[in-house]
Amino acid sequence: MIGDKQERFEGKHTDLDALRSHIEQYLQGEHFTVQTSAPSEQGTVIQARKGGWMAGIVAADRALTIAITGSADDFTVRVGIGKWLEHLAVAAIETLLISDLFLLVDVAESAWNIEIEDKLLKEIRSFVG
């Protein structure tokens, strides 16, 4: 899928709650509205959407979606565009991970998505070390 990226980290001993918090803070610093699912054994989903002029480029019901799955020593971060899910905080992570959490996107969304994904993954790599 265009603009859908996945990165696996092994042997990094990363506090996944701290990583989640760092991603949330980074996105909020970039002026995104952020919502996060309740953490579970299967992982966490973070969604972020941007208003203003970006609303004209990216559909209002779309969000940057980040899924963190795995353990401190072996985890995967997947970043892509997904449908903004109302009440994400109360959604069951198991349902989210097997649903169509990531969507195919058109050209305008792809350009924006690739740019923000690259910046976010660089930030995540820096945090993980």
N, C-alpha and C. Protein backbone atom coordinates (compact mmCIF):
# COMPACT_ATOMS: atom_id res chain seq x y z
N MET A 1 0.85 -1.18 0.00
CA MET A 1 0.00 0.00 0.00
C MET A 1 0.89 1.24 0.00
N ILE A 2 0.57 2.20 -0.81
CA ILE A 2 1.33 3.45 -0.87
C ILE A 2 1.21 4.15 0.47
N GLY A 3 2.34 4.59 1.01
CA GLY A 3 2.33 5.37 2.23
C GLY A 3 2.08 4.56 3.49
N ASP A 4 2.14 3.25 3.42
CA ASP A 4 1.95 2.40 4.59
C ASP A 4 3.32 1.80 4.90
N LYS A 5 3.87 2.16 6.06
CA LYS A 5 5.23 1.72 6.39
C LYS A 5 5.22 0.94 7.69
N GLN A 6 6.12 -0.02 7.76
CA GLN A 6 6.24 -0.86 8.94
C GLN A 6 7.71 -1.02 9.26
N GLU A 7 8.04 -0.90 10.53
CA GLU A 7 9.42 -1.07 10.96
C GLU A 7 9.47 -1.94 12.21
N ARG A 8 10.38 -2.90 12.19
CA ARG A 8 10.54 -3.82 13.32
C ARG A 8 11.82 -3.48 14.07
N PHE A 9 11.71 -3.52 15.41
CA PHE A 9 12.85 -3.24 16.28
C PHE A 9 13.09 -4.45 17.16
N GLU A 10 14.33 -4.95 17.14
CA GLU A 10 14.67 -6.12 17.95
C GLU A 10 15.82 -5.79 18.88
N GLY A 11 15.75 -6.33 20.11
CA GLY A 11 16.83 -6.19 21.07
C GLY A 11 17.07 -4.78 21.56
N LYS A 12 16.06 -3.91 21.54
CA LYS A 12 16.24 -2.50 21.92
C LYS A 12 15.84 -2.21 23.36
N HIS A 13 15.17 -3.15 24.04
CA HIS A 13 14.74 -2.97 25.43
C HIS A 13 14.01 -1.65 25.61
N THR A 14 13.01 -1.40 24.79
CA THR A 14 12.29 -0.13 24.76
C THR A 14 11.03 -0.19 25.62
N ASP A 15 10.82 0.80 26.44
CA ASP A 15 9.59 0.95 27.21
C ASP A 15 8.51 1.39 26.23
N LEU A 16 7.58 0.49 25.89
CA LEU A 16 6.59 0.80 24.87
C LEU A 16 5.60 1.87 25.32
N ASP A 17 5.34 1.97 26.62
CA ASP A 17 4.50 3.06 27.12
C ASP A 17 5.18 4.40 26.92
N ALA A 18 6.49 4.44 27.16
CA ALA A 18 7.25 5.67 26.95
C ALA A 18 7.29 6.01 25.46
N LEU A 19 7.41 5.00 24.60
CA LEU A 19 7.39 5.23 23.16
C LEU A 19 6.04 5.80 22.73
N ARG A 20 4.96 5.21 23.21
CA ARG A 20 3.62 5.70 22.91
C ARG A 20 3.49 7.17 23.32
N SER A 21 3.91 7.46 24.53
CA SER A 21 3.84 8.82 25.05
C SER A 21 4.68 9.78 24.20
N HIS A 22 5.86 9.34 23.81
CA HIS A 22 6.74 10.17 22.99
C HIS A 22 6.09 10.47 21.63
N ILE A 23 5.49 9.46 21.02
CA ILE A 23 4.81 9.66 19.74
C ILE A 23 3.65 10.65 19.90
N GLU A 24 2.86 10.47 20.95
CA GLU A 24 1.75 11.39 21.21
C GLU A 24 2.24 12.83 21.36
N GLN A 25 3.29 13.01 22.16
CA GLN A 25 3.83 14.35 22.39
C GLN A 25 4.40 14.95 21.10
N TYR A 26 5.08 14.13 20.32
CA TYR A 26 5.63 14.60 19.05
C TYR A 26 4.50 15.09 18.14
N LEU A 27 3.47 14.29 18.00
CA LEU A 27 2.35 14.65 17.13
C LEU A 27 1.61 15.89 17.64
N GLN A 28 1.41 15.98 18.94
CA GLN A 28 0.76 17.16 19.50
C GLN A 28 1.62 18.40 19.26
N GLY A 29 2.93 18.24 19.33
CA GLY A 29 3.85 19.33 19.04
C GLY A 29 3.77 19.78 17.59
N GLU A 30 3.34 18.88 16.71
CA GLU A 30 3.15 19.19 15.30
C GLU A 30 1.71 19.63 15.02
N HIS A 31 0.97 19.91 16.08
CA HIS A 31 -0.40 20.44 16.02
C HIS A 31 -1.43 19.44 15.50
N PHE A 32 -1.24 18.18 15.83
CA PHE A 32 -2.23 17.16 15.52
C PHE A 32 -3.16 16.98 16.71
N THR A 33 -4.40 16.61 16.44
CA THR A 33 -5.30 16.12 17.47
C THR A 33 -5.01 14.63 17.58
N VAL A 34 -4.78 14.14 18.80
CA VAL A 34 -4.31 12.77 19.00
C VAL A 34 -5.30 12.01 19.87
N GLN A 35 -5.55 10.76 19.52
CA GLN A 35 -6.31 9.85 20.36
C GLN A 35 -5.60 8.50 20.37
N THR A 36 -5.71 7.79 21.48
CA THR A 36 -4.98 6.53 21.66
C THR A 36 -5.90 5.46 22.22
N SER A 37 -5.75 4.24 21.72
CA SER A 37 -6.53 3.13 22.26
C SER A 37 -5.97 2.74 23.62
N ALA A 38 -6.77 2.05 24.39
CA ALA A 38 -6.29 1.53 25.66
C ALA A 38 -5.23 0.47 25.36
N PRO A 39 -4.07 0.51 26.03
CA PRO A 39 -3.04 -0.51 25.79
C PRO A 39 -3.55 -1.90 26.17
N SER A 40 -3.09 -2.90 25.44
CA SER A 40 -3.44 -4.28 25.76
C SER A 40 -2.24 -5.17 25.42
N GLU A 41 -2.39 -6.45 25.65
CA GLU A 41 -1.30 -7.38 25.32
C GLU A 41 -1.01 -7.39 23.82
N GLN A 42 -2.00 -7.03 23.00
CA GLN A 42 -1.82 -7.04 21.55
C GLN A 42 -1.18 -5.77 21.04
N GLY A 43 -1.18 -4.69 21.82
CA GLY A 43 -0.54 -3.46 21.38
C GLY A 43 -1.39 -2.23 21.64
N THR A 44 -1.02 -1.16 20.94
CA THR A 44 -1.67 0.13 21.08
C THR A 44 -1.82 0.76 19.71
N VAL A 45 -2.91 1.49 19.52
CA VAL A 45 -3.12 2.24 18.28
C VAL A 45 -3.22 3.71 18.64
N ILE A 46 -2.49 4.54 17.89
CA ILE A 46 -2.54 5.99 18.06
C ILE A 46 -3.06 6.56 16.75
N GLN A 47 -4.00 7.50 16.84
CA GLN A 47 -4.46 8.19 15.65
C GLN A 47 -4.26 9.68 15.82
N ALA A 48 -3.93 10.34 14.73
CA ALA A 48 -3.70 11.78 14.76
C ALA A 48 -4.27 12.38 13.49
N ARG A 49 -4.94 13.51 13.66
CA ARG A 49 -5.44 14.21 12.48
C ARG A 49 -5.17 15.69 12.63
N LYS A 50 -5.07 16.32 11.49
CA LYS A 50 -4.71 17.73 11.46
C LYS A 50 -5.83 18.51 10.78
N GLY A 51 -6.19 19.62 11.36
CA GLY A 51 -7.23 20.47 10.78
C GLY A 51 -6.62 21.54 9.90
N GLY A 52 -7.30 22.66 9.82
CA GLY A 52 -6.80 23.79 9.04
C GLY A 52 -6.71 23.47 7.57
N TRP A 53 -5.65 23.94 6.93
CA TRP A 53 -5.51 23.77 5.49
C TRP A 53 -5.35 22.31 5.08
N MET A 54 -4.87 21.47 6.03
CA MET A 54 -4.71 20.05 5.72
C MET A 54 -6.05 19.38 5.47
N ALA A 55 -7.13 19.91 6.08
CA ALA A 55 -8.44 19.33 5.89
C ALA A 55 -8.85 19.36 4.41
N GLY A 56 -8.33 20.33 3.66
CA GLY A 56 -8.62 20.41 2.24
C GLY A 56 -7.88 19.38 1.41
N ILE A 57 -6.81 18.84 1.96
CA ILE A 57 -6.00 17.85 1.24
C ILE A 57 -6.36 16.44 1.66
N VAL A 58 -6.49 16.25 2.95
CA VAL A 58 -6.77 14.93 3.49
C VAL A 58 -8.21 14.91 3.97
N ALA A 59 -8.98 13.92 3.59
CA ALA A 59 -10.39 13.83 3.97
C ALA A 59 -10.53 13.94 5.48
N ALA A 60 -11.60 14.60 5.91
CA ALA A 60 -11.82 14.87 7.34
C ALA A 60 -11.93 13.61 8.18
N ASP A 61 -12.33 12.51 7.58
CA ASP A 61 -12.47 11.28 8.35
C ASP A 61 -11.20 10.43 8.32
N ARG A 62 -10.11 10.99 7.80
CA ARG A 62 -8.85 10.25 7.71
C ARG A 62 -7.90 10.70 8.81
N ALA A 63 -7.04 9.78 9.22
CA ALA A 63 -6.09 10.08 10.28
C ALA A 63 -4.78 9.33 10.03
N LEU A 64 -3.70 9.92 10.49
CA LEU A 64 -2.43 9.21 10.55
C LEU A 64 -2.61 8.16 11.63
N THR A 65 -2.37 6.91 11.32
CA THR A 65 -2.62 5.82 12.25
C THR A 65 -1.32 5.08 12.52
N ILE A 66 -1.02 4.90 13.80
CA ILE A 66 0.21 4.23 14.22
C ILE A 66 -0.17 3.05 15.10
N ALA A 67 0.29 1.87 14.76
CA ALA A 67 0.05 0.68 15.57
C ALA A 67 1.38 0.20 16.13
N ILE A 68 1.44 0.00 17.44
CA ILE A 68 2.64 -0.52 18.10
C ILE A 68 2.27 -1.88 18.65
N THR A 69 2.94 -2.92 18.17
CA THR A 69 2.66 -4.29 18.62
C THR A 69 3.95 -4.99 18.99
N GLY A 70 3.87 -5.91 19.93
CA GLY A 70 5.03 -6.70 20.33
C GLY A 70 5.45 -6.41 21.75
N SER A 71 6.70 -6.73 22.04
CA SER A 71 7.25 -6.57 23.39
C SER A 71 8.43 -5.61 23.35
N ALA A 72 8.95 -5.27 24.51
CA ALA A 72 10.05 -4.31 24.64
C ALA A 72 11.28 -4.71 23.81
N ASP A 73 11.51 -6.00 23.63
CA ASP A 73 12.69 -6.47 22.90
C ASP A 73 12.42 -6.86 21.45
N ASP A 74 11.14 -6.89 21.06
CA ASP A 74 10.78 -7.27 19.70
C ASP A 74 9.41 -6.67 19.39
N PHE A 75 9.43 -5.47 18.79
CA PHE A 75 8.16 -4.81 18.50
C PHE A 75 8.17 -4.22 17.09
N THR A 76 6.96 -3.96 16.61
CA THR A 76 6.77 -3.41 15.29
C THR A 76 5.95 -2.14 15.40
N VAL A 77 6.34 -1.14 14.62
CA VAL A 77 5.58 0.10 14.50
C VAL A 77 5.11 0.19 13.05
N ARG A 78 3.80 0.31 12.89
CA ARG A 78 3.22 0.45 11.55
C ARG A 78 2.56 1.82 11.47
N VAL A 79 2.86 2.55 10.39
CA VAL A 79 2.35 3.90 10.22
C VAL A 79 1.68 3.99 8.85
N GLY A 80 0.47 4.55 8.84
CA GLY A 80 -0.25 4.72 7.58
C GLY A 80 -1.47 5.59 7.80
N ILE A 81 -2.27 5.71 6.75
CA ILE A 81 -3.51 6.48 6.85
C ILE A 81 -4.64 5.50 7.18
N GLY A 82 -5.50 5.90 8.08
CA GLY A 82 -6.66 5.09 8.44
C GLY A 82 -7.87 5.97 8.64
N LYS A 83 -9.00 5.34 8.80
CA LYS A 83 -10.22 6.07 9.07
C LYS A 83 -10.19 6.53 10.52
N TRP A 84 -10.50 7.81 10.77
CA TRP A 84 -10.58 8.34 12.14
C TRP A 84 -11.69 7.59 12.84
N LEU A 85 -11.35 6.92 13.92
CA LEU A 85 -12.32 6.11 14.66
C LEU A 85 -12.77 6.88 15.89
N GLU A 86 -14.04 7.20 15.94
CA GLU A 86 -14.57 7.86 17.12
C GLU A 86 -14.45 6.90 18.30
N HIS A 87 -14.15 7.43 19.44
CA HIS A 87 -14.06 6.65 20.68
C HIS A 87 -12.99 5.56 20.61
N LEU A 88 -11.87 5.89 20.00
CA LEU A 88 -10.77 4.93 19.88
C LEU A 88 -10.30 4.45 21.25
N ALA A 89 -10.34 5.31 22.24
CA ALA A 89 -9.83 4.96 23.57
C ALA A 89 -10.58 3.78 24.18
N VAL A 90 -11.82 3.57 23.79
CA VAL A 90 -12.59 2.46 24.38
C VAL A 90 -12.71 1.27 23.44
N ALA A 91 -12.14 1.38 22.25
CA ALA A 91 -12.20 0.27 21.29
C ALA A 91 -11.25 -0.84 21.72
N ALA A 92 -11.64 -2.05 21.46
CA ALA A 92 -10.79 -3.20 21.79
C ALA A 92 -9.68 -3.29 20.76
N ILE A 93 -8.44 -3.33 21.23
CA ILE A 93 -7.28 -3.36 20.33
C ILE A 93 -7.33 -4.58 19.42
N GLU A 94 -7.82 -5.69 19.92
CA GLU A 94 -7.91 -6.90 19.11
C GLU A 94 -8.77 -6.65 17.87
N THR A 95 -9.87 -5.95 18.05
CA THR A 95 -10.76 -5.62 16.94
C THR A 95 -10.08 -4.69 15.97
N LEU A 96 -9.35 -3.71 16.50
CA LEU A 96 -8.67 -2.75 15.64
C LEU A 96 -7.60 -3.40 14.78
N LEU A 97 -6.84 -4.30 15.37
CA LEU A 97 -5.71 -4.89 14.64
C LEU A 97 -6.15 -5.85 13.55
N ILE A 98 -7.36 -6.41 13.66
CA ILE A 98 -7.82 -7.31 12.60
C ILE A 98 -8.77 -6.62 11.63
N SER A 99 -9.09 -5.36 11.90
CA SER A 99 -9.97 -4.61 11.00
C SER A 99 -9.14 -3.90 9.94
N ASP A 100 -9.83 -3.19 9.07
CA ASP A 100 -9.15 -2.41 8.03
C ASP A 100 -8.69 -1.09 8.63
N LEU A 101 -7.68 -1.17 9.47
CA LEU A 101 -7.19 0.01 10.17
C LEU A 101 -6.45 0.95 9.24
N PHE A 102 -5.85 0.42 8.19
CA PHE A 102 -5.10 1.23 7.25
C PHE A 102 -5.80 1.18 5.89
N LEU A 103 -5.89 2.33 5.24
CA LEU A 103 -6.67 2.47 4.02
C LEU A 103 -5.78 2.77 2.81
N LEU A 104 -6.27 2.42 1.63
CA LEU A 104 -5.62 2.89 0.41
C LEU A 104 -5.92 4.37 0.29
N VAL A 105 -4.97 5.14 -0.16
CA VAL A 105 -5.16 6.59 -0.24
C VAL A 105 -4.91 7.09 -1.65
N ASP A 106 -5.47 8.27 -1.95
CA ASP A 106 -5.27 8.85 -3.28
C ASP A 106 -3.94 9.61 -3.32
N VAL A 107 -3.64 10.21 -4.46
CA VAL A 107 -2.33 10.82 -4.69
C VAL A 107 -2.05 11.96 -3.70
N ALA A 108 -3.00 12.86 -3.48
CA ALA A 108 -2.77 13.98 -2.56
C ALA A 108 -2.49 13.48 -1.15
N GLU A 109 -3.28 12.53 -0.70
CA GLU A 109 -3.06 11.98 0.63
C GLU A 109 -1.73 11.24 0.70
N SER A 110 -1.37 10.56 -0.37
CA SER A 110 -0.11 9.81 -0.38
C SER A 110 1.08 10.73 -0.18
N ALA A 111 1.10 11.86 -0.87
CA ALA A 111 2.23 12.78 -0.75
C ALA A 111 2.35 13.29 0.68
N TRP A 112 1.23 13.70 1.27
CA TRP A 112 1.25 14.17 2.66
C TRP A 112 1.64 13.04 3.59
N ASN A 113 1.06 11.87 3.37
CA ASN A 113 1.28 10.73 4.24
C ASN A 113 2.74 10.30 4.24
N ILE A 114 3.34 10.22 3.09
CA ILE A 114 4.74 9.80 2.98
C ILE A 114 5.65 10.78 3.73
N GLU A 115 5.37 12.08 3.60
CA GLU A 115 6.19 13.08 4.27
C GLU A 115 6.09 12.95 5.79
N ILE A 116 4.88 12.89 6.32
CA ILE A 116 4.73 12.82 7.78
C ILE A 116 5.19 11.48 8.32
N GLU A 117 4.97 10.39 7.58
CA GLU A 117 5.45 9.07 8.01
C GLU A 117 6.96 9.07 8.14
N ASP A 118 7.64 9.62 7.15
CA ASP A 118 9.10 9.65 7.18
C ASP A 118 9.61 10.42 8.39
N LYS A 119 9.00 11.58 8.67
CA LYS A 119 9.39 12.38 9.82
C LYS A 119 9.13 11.62 11.12
N LEU A 120 7.96 10.99 11.21
CA LEU A 120 7.60 10.27 12.43
C LEU A 120 8.51 9.05 12.64
N LEU A 121 8.77 8.29 11.60
CA LEU A 121 9.65 7.13 11.75
C LEU A 121 11.07 7.55 12.13
N LYS A 122 11.53 8.66 11.60
CA LYS A 122 12.84 9.18 11.99
C LYS A 122 12.85 9.51 13.48
N GLU A 123 11.77 10.13 13.96
CA GLU A 123 11.64 10.47 15.38
C GLU A 123 11.61 9.20 16.24
N ILE A 124 10.89 8.18 15.77
CA ILE A 124 10.80 6.92 16.51
C ILE A 124 12.16 6.24 16.56
N ARG A 125 12.86 6.19 15.43
CA ARG A 125 14.20 5.59 15.41
C ARG A 125 15.14 6.30 16.38
N SER A 126 15.05 7.60 16.42
CA SER A 126 15.88 8.39 17.32
C SER A 126 15.57 8.06 18.77
N PHE A 127 14.29 7.92 19.10
CA PHE A 127 13.88 7.60 20.47
C PHE A 127 14.32 6.21 20.88
N VAL A 128 14.12 5.24 19.98
CA VAL A 128 14.46 3.83 20.29
C VAL A 128 15.96 3.66 20.37
N GLY A 129 16.70 4.37 19.52
CA GLY A 129 18.15 4.30 19.55
C GLY A 129 18.75 3.34 18.59
